[in-house]
Amino acid sequence: MADFVVVPDFCGSQALNAWLAGHDAGVLLQGPNPDSPQPVMDGVVVAQKPPPGSRIERWGAVTVWTRHDPGEGGVREPRRPSAPLGTPAAEPPGEDQAATRAP
């Protein structure tokens, strides 16, 4: 007798979080091209097949489609590279730093 599980709703989830939730639920997530070398790890899940609430065999495949939206997130600092060690700073030190440098 086969063991069946209920397919969770992955739409709107980050792909990596969906993959982890799928593993916890007993299903395997795959992209629309299962032979692709790209794992399902990036982007946001926008569609899935079979739909949420379906019953499939444990460790059966759920195909997900993702959208890669660069958006506004990401690391933005530092805005300028810092000066290499041993070179004078591009900006003069502030008053608090000037007081500590005075002889």
N, C-alpha and C. Protein backbone atom coordinates (compact mmCIF):
# COMPACT_ATOMS: atom_id res chain seq x y z
N MET A 1 0.84 -1.17 0.00
CA MET A 1 0.00 0.00 0.00
C MET A 1 0.89 1.24 0.00
N ALA A 2 0.59 2.18 -0.89
CA ALA A 2 1.40 3.39 -1.03
C ALA A 2 1.04 4.39 0.08
N ASP A 3 2.03 5.17 0.48
CA ASP A 3 1.85 6.21 1.48
C ASP A 3 1.62 7.53 0.73
N PHE A 4 0.51 8.23 1.01
CA PHE A 4 0.18 9.46 0.32
C PHE A 4 0.34 10.66 1.25
N VAL A 5 0.68 11.81 0.65
CA VAL A 5 0.81 13.06 1.39
C VAL A 5 0.01 14.14 0.67
N VAL A 6 -0.33 15.19 1.40
CA VAL A 6 -1.06 16.33 0.82
C VAL A 6 -0.04 17.37 0.36
N VAL A 7 -0.20 17.87 -0.86
CA VAL A 7 0.72 18.85 -1.43
C VAL A 7 0.46 20.21 -0.79
N PRO A 8 1.49 20.82 -0.19
CA PRO A 8 1.32 22.17 0.38
C PRO A 8 1.20 23.23 -0.71
N ASP A 9 0.80 24.43 -0.31
CA ASP A 9 0.75 25.58 -1.22
C ASP A 9 2.10 26.28 -1.18
N PHE A 10 2.84 26.21 -2.27
CA PHE A 10 4.17 26.81 -2.33
C PHE A 10 4.16 28.20 -2.98
N CYS A 11 3.06 28.59 -3.62
CA CYS A 11 3.02 29.87 -4.34
C CYS A 11 3.24 31.04 -3.40
N GLY A 12 4.11 31.95 -3.83
CA GLY A 12 4.44 33.12 -3.03
C GLY A 12 5.63 32.91 -2.11
N SER A 13 6.10 31.67 -1.99
CA SER A 13 7.24 31.38 -1.11
C SER A 13 8.56 31.55 -1.86
N GLN A 14 9.59 31.91 -1.13
CA GLN A 14 10.93 31.88 -1.71
C GLN A 14 11.22 30.44 -2.10
N ALA A 15 11.89 30.23 -3.22
CA ALA A 15 12.10 28.88 -3.75
C ALA A 15 12.82 27.98 -2.75
N LEU A 16 13.84 28.49 -2.09
CA LEU A 16 14.56 27.65 -1.13
C LEU A 16 13.65 27.26 0.03
N ASN A 17 12.85 28.21 0.54
CA ASN A 17 11.93 27.90 1.62
C ASN A 17 10.88 26.88 1.17
N ALA A 18 10.42 27.00 -0.07
CA ALA A 18 9.45 26.04 -0.60
C ALA A 18 10.08 24.66 -0.69
N TRP A 19 11.32 24.59 -1.13
CA TRP A 19 12.01 23.31 -1.24
C TRP A 19 12.13 22.65 0.13
N LEU A 20 12.50 23.45 1.14
CA LEU A 20 12.62 22.91 2.50
C LEU A 20 11.26 22.46 3.04
N ALA A 21 10.21 23.27 2.81
CA ALA A 21 8.87 22.90 3.27
C ALA A 21 8.38 21.64 2.55
N GLY A 22 8.71 21.53 1.27
CA GLY A 22 8.34 20.33 0.52
C GLY A 22 9.01 19.10 1.09
N HIS A 23 10.27 19.23 1.43
CA HIS A 23 10.99 18.10 2.04
C HIS A 23 10.33 17.69 3.36
N ASP A 24 9.98 18.69 4.17
CA ASP A 24 9.31 18.40 5.45
C ASP A 24 7.96 17.71 5.23
N ALA A 25 7.28 18.06 4.12
CA ALA A 25 5.97 17.47 3.83
C ALA A 25 6.07 16.12 3.12
N GLY A 26 7.28 15.76 2.67
CA GLY A 26 7.46 14.48 2.00
C GLY A 26 7.28 14.53 0.50
N VAL A 27 7.52 15.71 -0.11
CA VAL A 27 7.47 15.83 -1.57
C VAL A 27 8.79 16.41 -2.07
N LEU A 28 9.07 16.16 -3.33
CA LEU A 28 10.29 16.68 -3.95
C LEU A 28 9.91 17.77 -4.93
N LEU A 29 10.52 18.94 -4.80
CA LEU A 29 10.28 20.03 -5.73
C LEU A 29 11.24 19.94 -6.90
N GLN A 30 10.72 20.23 -8.09
CA GLN A 30 11.55 20.28 -9.28
C GLN A 30 11.09 21.43 -10.14
N GLY A 31 12.00 21.93 -10.97
CA GLY A 31 11.66 22.98 -11.91
C GLY A 31 10.94 22.39 -13.11
N PRO A 32 10.48 23.24 -14.03
CA PRO A 32 9.76 22.76 -15.21
C PRO A 32 10.61 21.89 -16.11
N ASN A 33 11.93 22.02 -16.03
CA ASN A 33 12.84 21.17 -16.78
C ASN A 33 13.65 20.36 -15.77
N PRO A 34 13.20 19.16 -15.41
CA PRO A 34 13.89 18.40 -14.37
C PRO A 34 15.32 18.00 -14.72
N ASP A 35 15.67 18.05 -16.01
CA ASP A 35 17.04 17.70 -16.42
C ASP A 35 17.98 18.90 -16.38
N SER A 36 17.46 20.06 -16.01
CA SER A 36 18.28 21.28 -15.95
C SER A 36 19.30 21.17 -14.82
N PRO A 37 20.50 21.70 -15.04
CA PRO A 37 21.50 21.68 -13.96
C PRO A 37 21.20 22.69 -12.86
N GLN A 38 20.25 23.62 -13.12
CA GLN A 38 19.89 24.63 -12.13
C GLN A 38 18.95 24.03 -11.08
N PRO A 39 19.33 24.04 -9.81
CA PRO A 39 18.41 23.56 -8.78
C PRO A 39 17.33 24.61 -8.52
N VAL A 40 16.23 24.19 -7.94
CA VAL A 40 15.15 25.11 -7.59
C VAL A 40 15.54 25.76 -6.27
N MET A 41 16.28 26.87 -6.33
CA MET A 41 16.75 27.53 -5.12
C MET A 41 16.54 29.04 -5.16
N ASP A 42 16.36 29.62 -6.34
CA ASP A 42 16.29 31.08 -6.46
C ASP A 42 14.91 31.51 -6.93
N GLY A 43 14.52 32.70 -6.51
CA GLY A 43 13.29 33.30 -6.98
C GLY A 43 12.11 33.01 -6.06
N VAL A 44 10.94 33.40 -6.55
CA VAL A 44 9.69 33.23 -5.83
C VAL A 44 8.81 32.28 -6.63
N VAL A 45 8.20 31.32 -5.96
CA VAL A 45 7.33 30.36 -6.64
C VAL A 45 6.05 31.08 -7.07
N VAL A 46 5.73 30.99 -8.38
CA VAL A 46 4.55 31.65 -8.92
C VAL A 46 3.49 30.65 -9.37
N ALA A 47 3.84 29.39 -9.55
CA ALA A 47 2.87 28.37 -9.95
C ALA A 47 3.41 27.00 -9.55
N GLN A 48 2.49 26.05 -9.43
CA GLN A 48 2.91 24.69 -9.08
C GLN A 48 1.93 23.70 -9.69
N LYS A 49 2.43 22.47 -9.91
CA LYS A 49 1.60 21.39 -10.40
C LYS A 49 2.09 20.11 -9.76
N PRO A 50 1.29 19.35 -9.10
CA PRO A 50 -0.14 19.47 -8.88
C PRO A 50 -0.48 20.60 -7.93
N PRO A 51 -1.74 21.03 -7.94
CA PRO A 51 -2.15 22.16 -7.10
C PRO A 51 -2.15 21.82 -5.61
N PRO A 52 -2.15 22.85 -4.76
CA PRO A 52 -2.18 22.61 -3.32
C PRO A 52 -3.42 21.80 -2.93
N GLY A 53 -3.24 20.94 -1.96
CA GLY A 53 -4.33 20.11 -1.48
C GLY A 53 -4.45 18.77 -2.18
N SER A 54 -3.71 18.60 -3.29
CA SER A 54 -3.72 17.32 -4.00
C SER A 54 -3.03 16.27 -3.15
N ARG A 55 -3.40 15.01 -3.38
CA ARG A 55 -2.73 13.91 -2.68
C ARG A 55 -1.83 13.20 -3.70
N ILE A 56 -0.56 13.05 -3.34
CA ILE A 56 0.39 12.33 -4.19
C ILE A 56 1.16 11.34 -3.32
N GLU A 57 1.83 10.40 -3.98
CA GLU A 57 2.65 9.45 -3.23
C GLU A 57 3.78 10.19 -2.54
N ARG A 58 4.13 9.73 -1.33
CA ARG A 58 5.24 10.33 -0.59
C ARG A 58 6.48 10.32 -1.48
N TRP A 59 7.20 11.42 -1.49
CA TRP A 59 8.39 11.69 -2.28
C TRP A 59 8.10 11.78 -3.77
N GLY A 60 6.82 12.02 -4.11
CA GLY A 60 6.47 12.31 -5.49
C GLY A 60 6.93 13.72 -5.85
N ALA A 61 7.01 14.00 -7.14
CA ALA A 61 7.52 15.29 -7.61
C ALA A 61 6.40 16.33 -7.72
N VAL A 62 6.72 17.54 -7.30
CA VAL A 62 5.87 18.71 -7.50
C VAL A 62 6.67 19.68 -8.36
N THR A 63 6.13 20.05 -9.50
CA THR A 63 6.81 20.98 -10.40
C THR A 63 6.44 22.40 -10.01
N VAL A 64 7.46 23.25 -9.87
CA VAL A 64 7.21 24.65 -9.52
C VAL A 64 7.86 25.56 -10.57
N TRP A 65 7.22 26.69 -10.80
CA TRP A 65 7.74 27.73 -11.69
C TRP A 65 8.10 28.92 -10.81
N THR A 66 9.26 29.50 -11.07
CA THR A 66 9.72 30.62 -10.24
C THR A 66 9.91 31.86 -11.08
N ARG A 67 9.84 33.00 -10.40
CA ARG A 67 10.12 34.30 -11.02
C ARG A 67 11.35 34.87 -10.32
N HIS A 68 12.31 35.29 -11.10
CA HIS A 68 13.52 35.89 -10.56
C HIS A 68 13.38 37.40 -10.66
N ASP A 69 13.07 38.02 -9.53
CA ASP A 69 12.86 39.46 -9.49
C ASP A 69 13.97 40.09 -8.67
N PRO A 70 14.89 40.84 -9.30
CA PRO A 70 15.97 41.42 -8.53
C PRO A 70 15.49 42.39 -7.47
N GLY A 71 14.38 43.09 -7.73
CA GLY A 71 13.79 43.98 -6.74
C GLY A 71 14.76 45.01 -6.20
N GLU A 72 14.47 45.49 -5.03
CA GLU A 72 15.27 46.52 -4.39
C GLU A 72 16.20 45.95 -3.33
N GLY A 73 16.13 44.66 -3.06
CA GLY A 73 16.93 44.07 -1.98
C GLY A 73 18.37 43.88 -2.39
N GLY A 74 19.13 43.37 -1.48
CA GLY A 74 20.53 43.08 -1.75
C GLY A 74 21.45 43.92 -0.89
N VAL A 75 22.69 43.58 -0.93
CA VAL A 75 23.69 44.29 -0.15
C VAL A 75 24.14 45.51 -0.93
N ARG A 76 24.05 46.66 -0.32
CA ARG A 76 24.41 47.90 -1.00
C ARG A 76 25.56 48.63 -0.34
N GLU A 77 25.99 48.22 0.81
CA GLU A 77 27.08 48.91 1.51
C GLU A 77 28.36 48.12 1.34
N PRO A 78 29.50 48.68 1.30
CA PRO A 78 29.76 50.11 1.31
C PRO A 78 29.48 50.72 -0.06
N ARG A 79 29.13 51.99 -0.04
CA ARG A 79 28.81 52.66 -1.30
C ARG A 79 30.06 53.02 -2.07
N ARG A 80 31.13 53.27 -1.35
CA ARG A 80 32.42 53.54 -1.99
C ARG A 80 33.42 52.56 -1.40
N PRO A 81 34.36 52.13 -2.17
CA PRO A 81 35.38 51.28 -1.57
C PRO A 81 36.23 52.10 -0.60
N SER A 82 36.65 51.49 0.47
CA SER A 82 37.50 52.20 1.42
C SER A 82 38.91 52.29 0.85
N ALA A 83 39.65 53.27 1.34
CA ALA A 83 41.03 53.47 0.87
C ALA A 83 41.89 52.29 1.32
N PRO A 84 42.85 51.88 0.51
CA PRO A 84 43.75 50.80 0.93
C PRO A 84 44.52 51.21 2.19
N LEU A 85 44.90 50.23 2.96
CA LEU A 85 45.66 50.51 4.17
C LEU A 85 46.94 51.25 3.86
N GLY A 86 47.28 52.22 4.68
CA GLY A 86 48.52 52.97 4.50
C GLY A 86 48.38 54.20 3.62
N THR A 87 47.23 54.45 3.04
CA THR A 87 47.03 55.64 2.22
C THR A 87 46.18 56.63 3.00
N PRO A 88 46.36 57.91 2.77
CA PRO A 88 45.55 58.89 3.50
C PRO A 88 44.09 58.78 3.10
N ALA A 89 43.22 59.07 4.05
CA ALA A 89 41.78 59.00 3.80
C ALA A 89 41.38 60.09 2.82
N ALA A 90 40.34 59.85 2.05
CA ALA A 90 39.88 60.82 1.07
C ALA A 90 39.22 62.01 1.74
N GLU A 91 38.65 61.81 2.92
CA GLU A 91 37.99 62.89 3.63
C GLU A 91 38.77 63.18 4.92
N PRO A 92 38.82 64.45 5.32
CA PRO A 92 39.52 64.76 6.56
C PRO A 92 38.78 64.15 7.75
N PRO A 93 39.49 63.82 8.81
CA PRO A 93 38.83 63.24 9.97
C PRO A 93 37.88 64.25 10.59
N GLY A 94 36.85 63.74 11.26
CA GLY A 94 35.90 64.60 11.96
C GLY A 94 36.57 65.23 13.17
N GLU A 95 35.87 66.14 13.84
CA GLU A 95 36.45 66.84 14.98
C GLU A 95 36.86 65.88 16.08
N ASP A 96 36.05 64.84 16.31
CA ASP A 96 36.39 63.90 17.36
C ASP A 96 37.65 63.12 17.03
N GLN A 97 37.90 62.83 15.75
CA GLN A 97 39.10 62.11 15.35
C GLN A 97 40.30 63.07 15.35
N ALA A 98 40.09 64.35 14.97
CA ALA A 98 41.20 65.31 14.93
C ALA A 98 41.76 65.54 16.33
N ALA A 99 40.91 65.53 17.33
CA ALA A 99 41.37 65.76 18.70
C ALA A 99 42.27 64.60 19.16
N THR A 100 42.03 63.41 18.72
CA THR A 100 42.85 62.28 19.15
C THR A 100 44.17 62.24 18.39
N ARG A 101 44.26 62.91 17.25
CA ARG A 101 45.51 62.93 16.49
C ARG A 101 46.44 64.07 16.88
N ALA A 102 45.91 65.08 17.55
CA ALA A 102 46.73 66.25 17.88
C ALA A 102 47.86 65.83 18.82
N PRO A 103 49.10 66.36 18.62
CA PRO A 103 50.23 65.99 19.48
C PRO A 103 50.14 66.55 20.87
